């Protein structure tokens, strides 16, 4: 997969930026107007304190419909886009994490329904992360005891569970799916080194050490996702007040620079849009450089 567009969401009081880069071979025959239509037109965001979801139009930055309130006794935490244009939202409570599915109708919230058998025990923290397989069949969520991570993979329809855990102190973030492979970034507490690893979710559950090392991230990068076809990685790299989205082979060799934007802060998140051909990155303190900008300072997480 080669990304054909990037959406950058700024933290604080900053902006959403959209950028259309040169099309890859799969899309190069399409006129620009048609290529533009393939981009997701809406962003679904979790508000800063998790009280509601917002649907925001990328082109205008306007909210579509009314805010969607979190279920009673729960808050929204993370959101992930599915290939059919719906969204999975993690809704932590006091002792567990449940999940909801949001469907839109021409951008307006249509319904928000619970996924009753998908439940992850534990407490959600600021480090907790969510990834949904493109069809929504498999959900991965990370909880922590102290600074030790536990990765739960849940089959949405049946509630079947697999768990991988570690006693090592490290953040497990930047989750992404490619088939039955779950990739993540391993960031040991107190270390400046970050490593992309993969987990075969068809394999035996148990110790997270059974995951395989793929590549160390370059300096300035803490976020990377695997392409949907599992053949490459996309990393967000902050260097010299710029944020660059860079593709790499699975052997760690850089291949293409997808996109660069001025940024003061560091990248805080990276994900693939539900089309599978676009990328959404989150970062703070952005500069607009002749690209459409949408206010997003009220969002703690977003999916495109």
Protein backbone atom coordinates (compact mmCIF):
# COMPACT_ATOMS: atom_id res chain seq x y z
CA UNK A 1 0.00 0.00 0.00
CA UNK A 2 1.19 3.51 -0.79
CA UNK A 3 -0.64 6.33 0.92
CA UNK A 4 -2.23 8.86 -1.43
CA UNK A 5 -3.25 11.46 1.12
CA UNK A 6 -2.39 12.59 4.59
CA UNK A 7 -4.48 14.34 7.21
CA UNK A 8 -2.68 16.02 10.06
CA UNK A 9 -4.55 16.87 13.25
CA UNK A 10 -3.01 19.38 15.61
CA UNK A 11 -3.27 19.35 19.36
CA UNK A 12 -3.80 22.34 21.61
CA UNK A 13 -5.47 25.10 19.61
CA UNK A 14 -4.14 24.02 16.27
CA UNK A 15 -5.43 22.65 13.04
CA UNK A 16 -6.31 19.69 10.90
CA UNK A 17 -4.30 19.74 7.69
CA UNK A 18 -5.12 17.80 4.57
CA UNK A 19 -2.65 17.13 1.80
CA UNK A 20 -3.01 15.29 -1.49
CA UNK A 21 0.28 13.98 -2.77
CA UNK A 22 1.11 12.49 -6.13
CA UNK A 23 -1.01 9.41 -6.76
CA UNK A 24 0.55 5.97 -6.70
CA UNK A 25 0.22 3.48 -9.54
CA UNK A 26 -3.10 2.21 -8.29
CA UNK A 27 -4.62 5.68 -8.62
CA UNK A 28 -2.47 7.46 -11.19
CA UNK A 29 -5.03 7.12 -13.98
CA UNK A 30 -7.73 8.90 -11.98
CA UNK A 31 -8.43 12.59 -12.62
CA UNK A 32 -7.68 14.81 -9.64
CA UNK A 33 -11.37 15.40 -8.95
CA UNK A 34 -12.01 11.66 -8.72
CA UNK A 35 -8.94 11.06 -6.60
CA UNK A 36 -10.17 13.76 -4.21
CA UNK A 37 -13.47 11.92 -3.82
CA UNK A 38 -11.69 8.78 -2.64
CA UNK A 39 -10.50 10.55 0.50
CA UNK A 40 -12.68 10.12 3.59
CA UNK A 41 -14.75 13.33 3.86
CA UNK A 42 -15.23 13.15 7.63
CA UNK A 43 -13.18 12.80 10.78
CA UNK A 44 -14.69 11.28 13.92
CA UNK A 45 -13.06 12.64 17.05
CA UNK A 46 -13.16 12.00 20.78
CA UNK A 47 -13.45 15.21 22.78
CA UNK A 48 -10.69 16.01 25.25
CA UNK A 49 -12.39 14.57 28.35
CA UNK A 50 -14.15 11.74 26.52
CA UNK A 51 -17.66 13.04 27.15
CA UNK A 52 -18.71 12.98 23.50
CA UNK A 53 -17.88 12.16 19.90
CA UNK A 54 -17.81 14.78 17.16
CA UNK A 55 -18.13 14.26 13.41
CA UNK A 56 -16.18 16.92 11.54
CA UNK A 57 -16.12 17.60 7.81
CA UNK A 58 -12.56 17.66 6.52
CA UNK A 59 -13.20 20.16 3.73
CA UNK A 60 -14.85 22.88 5.84
CA UNK A 61 -13.93 22.00 9.41
CA UNK A 62 -17.58 22.24 10.42
CA UNK A 63 -19.18 19.79 12.82
CA UNK A 64 -21.85 17.57 11.27
CA UNK A 65 -24.90 16.94 13.45
CA UNK A 66 -24.90 17.11 17.23
CA UNK A 67 -22.23 15.74 19.60
CA UNK A 68 -22.78 12.10 20.56
CA UNK A 69 -22.83 11.59 24.33
CA UNK A 70 -20.90 8.75 25.96
CA UNK A 71 -22.94 5.92 27.54
CA UNK A 72 -23.86 6.50 31.17
CA UNK A 73 -21.03 5.64 33.56
CA UNK A 74 -18.49 5.50 30.73
CA UNK A 75 -16.38 7.79 28.61
CA UNK A 76 -15.06 7.64 25.10
CA UNK A 77 -11.32 7.03 24.84
CA UNK A 78 -10.11 5.79 21.45
CA UNK A 79 -11.73 5.56 18.02
CA UNK A 80 -10.80 3.43 14.98
CA UNK A 81 -12.21 3.54 11.45
CA UNK A 82 -13.45 0.44 9.58
CA UNK A 83 -13.34 -0.11 5.83
CA UNK A 84 -17.15 0.20 5.52
CA UNK A 85 -17.01 3.75 6.87
CA UNK A 86 -18.24 2.92 10.38
CA UNK A 87 -16.18 3.38 13.55
CA UNK A 88 -15.29 1.36 16.64
CA UNK A 89 -15.09 3.39 19.84
CA UNK A 90 -13.58 2.21 23.13
CA UNK A 91 -15.72 3.13 26.15
CA UNK A 92 -13.87 2.55 29.43
CA UNK A 93 -15.67 2.21 32.74
CA UNK A 94 -14.44 1.70 36.28
CA UNK A 95 -13.37 -1.96 35.84
CA UNK A 96 -13.50 -2.81 32.15
CA UNK A 97 -13.55 -1.48 28.61
CA UNK A 98 -16.52 -2.02 26.32
CA UNK A 99 -16.87 -1.07 22.67
CA UNK A 100 -19.47 0.69 20.55
CA UNK A 101 -19.97 0.86 16.79
CA UNK A 102 -20.83 4.23 15.27
CA UNK A 103 -22.48 4.46 11.88
CA UNK A 104 -22.92 7.64 9.88
CA UNK A 105 -25.53 8.65 7.32
CA UNK A 106 -24.07 11.23 4.94
CA UNK A 107 -21.79 12.31 7.75
CA UNK A 108 -24.49 12.66 10.37
CA UNK A 109 -24.48 10.22 13.28
CA UNK A 110 -26.96 7.45 12.47
CA UNK A 111 -26.59 5.14 15.45
CA UNK A 112 -24.19 4.12 18.20
CA UNK A 113 -24.66 0.52 19.25
CA UNK A 114 -22.78 -1.61 21.80
CA UNK A 115 -20.80 -4.68 20.77
CA UNK A 116 -22.13 -6.75 23.68
CA UNK A 117 -19.63 -9.63 23.75
CA UNK A 118 -16.50 -7.52 23.29
CA UNK A 119 -15.27 -6.67 26.79
CA UNK A 120 -11.71 -6.14 28.02
CA UNK A 121 -11.09 -6.33 31.78
CA UNK A 122 -8.88 -3.75 33.41
CA UNK A 123 -8.44 -0.02 33.63
CA UNK A 124 -7.88 2.31 30.70
CA UNK A 125 -5.00 4.78 31.03
CA UNK A 126 -3.63 7.63 28.94
CA UNK A 127 -1.29 5.08 27.32
CA UNK A 128 -4.06 2.65 26.37
CA UNK A 129 -4.51 2.15 22.64
CA UNK A 130 -7.06 0.62 20.25
CA UNK A 131 -6.85 -0.99 16.83
CA UNK A 132 -9.66 -2.64 14.90
CA UNK A 133 -9.14 -4.96 11.94
CA UNK A 134 -10.52 -3.33 8.76
CA UNK A 135 -13.68 -5.47 8.89
CA UNK A 136 -14.15 -4.89 12.62
CA UNK A 137 -13.96 -8.61 13.40
CA UNK A 138 -10.91 -8.31 15.67
CA UNK A 139 -10.31 -5.63 18.29
CA UNK A 140 -6.99 -5.06 20.04
CA UNK A 141 -6.75 -2.95 23.19
CA UNK A 142 -3.88 -2.25 25.57
CA UNK A 143 -4.31 -1.87 29.33
CA UNK A 144 -1.66 -1.40 32.01
CA UNK A 145 -0.81 -2.41 35.55
CA UNK A 146 1.60 0.30 36.53
CA UNK A 147 3.83 0.58 33.47
CA UNK A 148 3.46 -3.07 32.38
CA UNK A 149 1.28 -3.65 29.34
CA UNK A 150 -1.36 -6.24 28.55
CA UNK A 151 -2.65 -6.66 24.98
CA UNK A 152 -6.14 -8.12 24.63
CA UNK A 153 -7.33 -9.32 21.22
CA UNK A 154 -11.08 -9.87 21.17
CA UNK A 155 -13.29 -11.39 18.48
CA UNK A 156 -16.13 -8.88 18.31
CA UNK A 157 -18.92 -11.32 17.43
CA UNK A 158 -18.14 -14.07 19.94
CA UNK A 159 -16.09 -12.36 22.64
CA UNK A 160 -13.32 -14.95 22.22
CA UNK A 161 -10.21 -13.64 23.93
CA UNK A 162 -6.44 -13.86 23.62
CA UNK A 163 -4.06 -12.05 25.93
CA UNK A 164 -0.36 -11.22 25.69
CA UNK A 165 1.26 -9.54 28.68
CA UNK A 166 4.66 -8.46 29.93
CA UNK A 167 6.19 -7.54 33.27
CA UNK A 168 8.65 -5.22 31.57
CA UNK A 169 8.00 -1.50 31.93
CA UNK A 170 7.21 -0.21 28.46
CA UNK A 171 4.55 1.52 26.44
CA UNK A 172 2.84 -0.54 23.74
CA UNK A 173 1.33 1.87 21.24
CA UNK A 174 0.70 2.72 17.60
CA UNK A 175 -1.29 -0.49 17.06
CA UNK A 176 -2.21 -1.49 13.50
CA UNK A 177 -3.57 -4.57 11.75
CA UNK A 178 -2.40 -6.38 8.62
CA UNK A 179 -4.40 -9.56 8.21
CA UNK A 180 -3.98 -11.47 11.48
CA UNK A 181 -0.74 -9.65 12.30
CA UNK A 182 -0.86 -6.90 14.90
CA UNK A 183 2.01 -4.43 14.77
CA UNK A 184 2.95 -2.07 17.58
CA UNK A 185 5.69 0.25 18.77
CA UNK A 186 7.58 -0.90 21.86
CA UNK A 187 8.87 2.01 23.96
CA UNK A 188 10.70 1.00 27.16
CA UNK A 189 10.22 3.37 30.10
CA UNK A 190 13.22 5.66 30.47
CA UNK A 191 14.64 4.83 27.04
CA UNK A 192 14.78 7.01 23.94
CA UNK A 193 14.69 3.92 21.72
CA UNK A 194 11.48 2.77 20.02
CA UNK A 195 11.04 -0.46 18.10
CA UNK A 196 8.36 -1.76 15.75
CA UNK A 197 7.31 -5.31 16.61
CA UNK A 198 4.66 -7.69 15.26
CA UNK A 199 2.44 -10.23 16.95
CA UNK A 200 0.89 -13.23 15.17
CA UNK A 201 -2.57 -13.25 16.72
CA UNK A 202 -3.18 -16.75 15.33
CA UNK A 203 -0.33 -17.98 17.51
CA UNK A 204 -0.37 -18.98 21.15
CA UNK A 205 -1.26 -16.31 23.67
CA UNK A 206 1.01 -15.62 26.62
CA UNK A 207 4.15 -13.53 26.89
CA UNK A 208 4.48 -10.43 24.74
CA UNK A 209 8.13 -11.40 24.24
CA UNK A 210 6.93 -13.87 21.59
CA UNK A 211 6.37 -10.87 19.32
CA UNK A 212 8.96 -10.32 16.59
CA UNK A 213 11.22 -7.30 16.18
CA UNK A 214 10.81 -5.58 12.80
CA UNK A 215 12.90 -2.40 12.94
CA UNK A 216 14.11 0.32 15.31
CA UNK A 217 12.49 3.67 14.65
CA UNK A 218 14.74 6.56 13.58
CA UNK A 219 15.45 9.39 15.99
CA UNK A 220 12.45 11.67 16.29
CA UNK A 221 9.90 8.92 15.70
CA UNK A 222 7.68 7.20 18.23
CA UNK A 223 4.80 6.23 15.92
CA UNK A 224 4.65 3.80 13.02
CA UNK A 225 1.97 1.67 11.39
CA UNK A 226 2.09 -1.28 9.03
CA UNK A 227 0.47 -1.05 5.63
CA UNK A 228 -2.72 -3.05 5.20
CA UNK A 229 -0.95 -5.52 2.90
CA UNK A 230 1.87 -5.99 5.41
CA UNK A 231 4.65 -5.08 2.98
CA UNK A 232 5.81 -1.76 4.40
CA UNK A 233 5.79 0.58 7.39
CA UNK A 234 4.87 4.25 7.64
CA UNK A 235 6.55 6.30 10.36
CA UNK A 236 5.98 9.84 11.61
CA UNK A 237 9.32 11.56 12.20
CA UNK A 238 9.84 14.93 13.91
CA UNK A 239 13.11 16.64 13.02
CA UNK A 240 14.22 20.26 12.71
CA UNK A 241 10.71 21.58 13.46
CA UNK A 242 9.21 19.47 10.67
CA UNK A 243 6.99 16.40 10.73
CA UNK A 244 7.63 13.90 7.94
CA UNK A 245 5.66 10.81 7.01
CA UNK A 246 8.17 8.28 5.67
CA UNK A 247 7.70 4.76 4.33
CA UNK A 248 10.13 1.94 5.11
CA UNK A 249 10.64 -1.62 3.99
CA UNK A 250 10.17 -4.31 6.62
CA UNK A 251 13.97 -4.51 6.68
CA UNK A 252 14.13 -0.89 7.86
CA UNK A 253 15.23 0.80 4.63
CA UNK A 254 13.56 4.16 3.87
CA UNK A 255 11.66 4.24 0.58
CA UNK A 256 9.41 7.27 0.06
CA UNK A 257 8.75 10.57 1.79
CA UNK A 258 4.99 10.96 1.66
CA UNK A 259 4.51 14.34 3.28
CA UNK A 260 6.26 17.06 5.30
CA UNK A 261 4.75 19.85 7.42
CA UNK A 262 6.11 22.45 9.83
CA UNK A 263 5.44 21.45 13.44
CA UNK A 264 6.69 22.58 16.85
CA UNK A 265 5.49 19.60 18.86
CA UNK A 266 6.11 15.90 18.45
CA UNK A 267 3.80 13.46 16.63
CA UNK A 268 1.34 11.88 19.04
CA UNK A 269 -0.45 9.38 16.82
CA UNK A 270 -0.53 7.75 13.40
CA UNK A 271 -3.16 5.61 11.71
CA UNK A 272 -4.40 4.47 8.32
CA UNK A 273 -7.71 5.83 7.07
CA UNK A 274 -10.59 3.43 6.46
CA UNK A 275 -9.97 3.56 2.70
CA UNK A 276 -6.58 1.94 3.30
CA UNK A 277 -4.91 4.50 1.02
CA UNK A 278 -4.60 7.52 3.31
CA UNK A 279 -2.87 8.34 6.58
CA UNK A 280 -3.93 10.39 9.59
CA UNK A 281 -1.29 11.78 11.93
CA UNK A 282 -1.74 13.79 15.11
CA UNK A 283 0.72 16.33 16.43
CA UNK A 284 0.85 19.65 18.26
CA UNK A 285 1.56 23.25 17.26
CA UNK A 286 1.21 23.12 13.50
CA UNK A 287 1.84 25.73 10.85
CA UNK A 288 -0.57 25.95 7.91
CA UNK A 289 1.34 25.95 4.62
CA UNK A 290 -1.24 26.55 1.93
CA UNK A 291 -3.32 23.47 2.74
CA UNK A 292 -6.89 23.29 4.10
CA UNK A 293 -6.96 23.67 7.87
CA UNK A 294 -9.62 22.54 10.33
CA UNK A 295 -9.67 23.43 14.06
CA UNK A 296 -9.10 20.29 16.16
CA UNK A 297 -7.81 21.49 19.50
CA UNK A 298 -10.84 19.99 21.25
CA UNK A 299 -10.05 16.42 20.12
CA UNK A 300 -8.08 13.86 22.13
CA UNK A 301 -8.23 11.17 19.43
CA UNK A 302 -9.51 10.96 15.88
CA UNK A 303 -10.09 8.50 13.04
CA UNK A 304 -10.40 9.26 9.34
